[in-house]
Amino acid sequence: MAQVTLTRHLRRFFPSLEAGEVPGATVREVIDALERRHPGFASYVMPVGSRVAVGHGGGGTGSGMDNGFKQFTDGSYQVVVLANWEAPAGGRLADAIIRYLGADVQRGGR
C-alpha cells in the first residue's frame, strides 16, 4: 500500500480524487490502481524506469492538430511535441520520447 497525496490541480480534471492509501508495491502498480479508479489519470502521471514523468496533451478529433507535454519530476528533461496530425499522434510521440529518455542504460564492460 502507498499513501498518496495529490495536488489540487488534478482535482480539476478528477473531482473525486482523494488522498489516502492506494494498493500497490511499485509505482506502476499504484498508478494502475489510480487509473482503474479514475480513468485517464495515467496520462498525467507516468512511471518511467526509476523516475516519474508528468504531463498533459490535447488536440481534438478532426482538428488536424495534437500536442503532448511530459517532464520528469526530477527536472532532468521536458518534452514538448506540437503536431499537425490527428490526435493522439503528438501525445504518443511525447510518451515515446520520454520513455526513451528515461530508459535504464546498460553499460558494457571489457
Protein backbone atom coordinates (compact mmCIF):
# COMPACT_ATOMS: atom_id res chain seq x y z
CA MET A 1 0.00 0.00 0.00
CA ALA A 2 1.12 3.53 -0.72
CA GLN A 3 -0.02 6.73 0.95
CA VAL A 4 -0.93 9.09 -1.91
CA THR A 5 -1.41 12.85 -1.74
CA LEU A 6 -2.39 14.89 -4.76
CA THR A 7 -2.26 18.50 -5.85
CA ARG A 8 -5.47 20.48 -6.03
CA HIS A 9 -4.84 20.99 -9.76
CA LEU A 10 -5.58 17.35 -10.57
CA ARG A 11 -8.97 17.66 -8.87
CA ARG A 12 -9.97 19.99 -11.67
CA PHE A 13 -9.86 17.01 -14.06
CA PHE A 14 -10.67 14.31 -11.49
CA PRO A 15 -13.07 15.86 -8.93
CA SER A 16 -13.41 12.65 -6.91
CA LEU A 17 -9.64 12.32 -6.24
CA GLU A 18 -8.87 11.99 -2.56
CA ALA A 19 -5.67 11.48 -0.62
CA GLY A 20 -5.33 8.09 1.02
CA GLU A 21 -3.98 4.60 0.72
CA VAL A 22 -3.74 3.00 -2.71
CA PRO A 23 -2.83 -0.66 -3.22
CA GLY A 24 0.45 -1.42 -4.95
CA ALA A 25 4.01 -2.47 -4.20
CA THR A 26 5.55 -0.43 -7.05
CA VAL A 27 4.89 2.99 -8.57
CA ARG A 28 3.50 1.26 -11.66
CA GLU A 29 1.01 -0.75 -9.56
CA VAL A 30 -0.12 2.39 -7.70
CA ILE A 31 -0.60 4.32 -10.98
CA ASP A 32 -2.52 1.36 -12.42
CA ALA A 33 -4.78 1.30 -9.35
CA LEU A 34 -5.41 5.04 -9.66
CA GLU A 35 -6.13 4.59 -13.39
CA ARG A 36 -8.77 1.97 -12.58
CA ARG A 37 -10.40 4.34 -10.08
CA HIS A 38 -10.03 7.45 -12.26
CA PRO A 39 -9.77 6.62 -16.00
CA GLY A 40 -7.34 8.99 -17.69
CA PHE A 41 -5.17 9.55 -14.60
CA ALA A 42 -2.23 7.60 -16.05
CA SER A 43 -1.96 10.04 -18.96
CA TYR A 44 -0.93 12.72 -16.44
CA VAL A 45 1.42 10.64 -14.25
CA MET A 46 3.65 8.01 -15.84
CA PRO A 47 6.38 5.90 -14.20
CA VAL A 48 9.43 5.57 -16.46
CA GLY A 49 12.17 3.29 -15.18
CA SER A 50 13.11 4.55 -11.73
CA ARG A 51 11.63 8.03 -12.35
CA VAL A 52 8.19 9.59 -12.75
CA ALA A 53 7.04 11.78 -15.63
CA VAL A 54 4.03 14.06 -15.53
CA GLY A 55 2.34 15.88 -18.36
CA HIS A 56 -0.68 16.69 -20.40
CA GLY A 57 -1.68 16.94 -24.02
CA GLY A 58 -4.56 17.54 -26.28
CA GLY A 59 -5.82 18.38 -29.67
CA GLY A 60 -9.11 17.33 -30.97
CA THR A 61 -10.60 14.80 -33.29
CA GLY A 62 -10.91 16.35 -36.71
CA SER A 63 -8.75 19.38 -35.85
CA GLY A 64 -5.62 18.12 -37.61
CA MET A 65 -3.56 19.13 -34.58
CA ASP A 66 -2.32 17.44 -31.43
CA ASN A 67 0.25 18.11 -28.73
CA GLY A 68 1.96 16.38 -25.89
CA PHE A 69 3.96 17.67 -22.93
CA LYS A 70 5.87 15.45 -20.49
CA GLN A 71 8.53 16.22 -17.91
CA PHE A 72 10.38 14.22 -15.31
CA THR A 73 9.59 15.28 -11.76
CA ASP A 74 13.34 15.40 -11.05
CA GLY A 75 13.64 18.24 -13.61
CA SER A 76 16.07 16.38 -15.87
CA TYR A 77 14.05 16.57 -19.12
CA GLN A 78 11.00 18.26 -20.57
CA VAL A 79 9.45 17.16 -23.86
CA VAL A 80 7.04 19.25 -25.92
CA VAL A 81 5.58 17.92 -29.17
CA LEU A 82 3.39 20.07 -31.43
CA ALA A 83 1.98 18.04 -34.30
CA ASN A 84 -0.02 18.84 -37.40
CA TRP A 85 -1.52 15.35 -37.19
CA GLU A 86 -4.71 13.97 -35.80
CA ALA A 87 -4.82 13.05 -32.12
CA PRO A 88 -3.30 11.08 -30.47
CA ALA A 89 -0.15 11.41 -32.64
CA GLY A 90 1.50 14.22 -30.63
CA GLY A 91 0.76 12.65 -27.26
CA ARG A 92 2.03 9.25 -28.34
CA LEU A 93 5.25 10.76 -29.69
CA ALA A 94 5.82 12.69 -26.43
CA ASP A 95 5.26 9.46 -24.47
CA ALA A 96 7.71 7.56 -26.68
CA ILE A 97 10.40 10.24 -26.33
CA ILE A 98 10.08 10.45 -22.54
CA ARG A 99 10.24 6.64 -22.29
CA TYR A 100 13.41 6.69 -24.41
CA LEU A 101 14.98 9.39 -22.24
CA GLY A 102 14.06 7.52 -19.07
CA ALA A 103 15.21 4.08 -20.18
CA ASP A 104 17.73 2.41 -17.93
CA VAL A 105 21.03 2.17 -19.80
CA GLN A 106 23.10 -1.00 -19.60
CA ARG A 107 26.78 -0.19 -19.85
CA GLY A 108 29.01 -2.90 -21.27
CA GLY A 109 32.44 -3.61 -19.85
CA ARG A 110 35.57 -5.16 -21.21
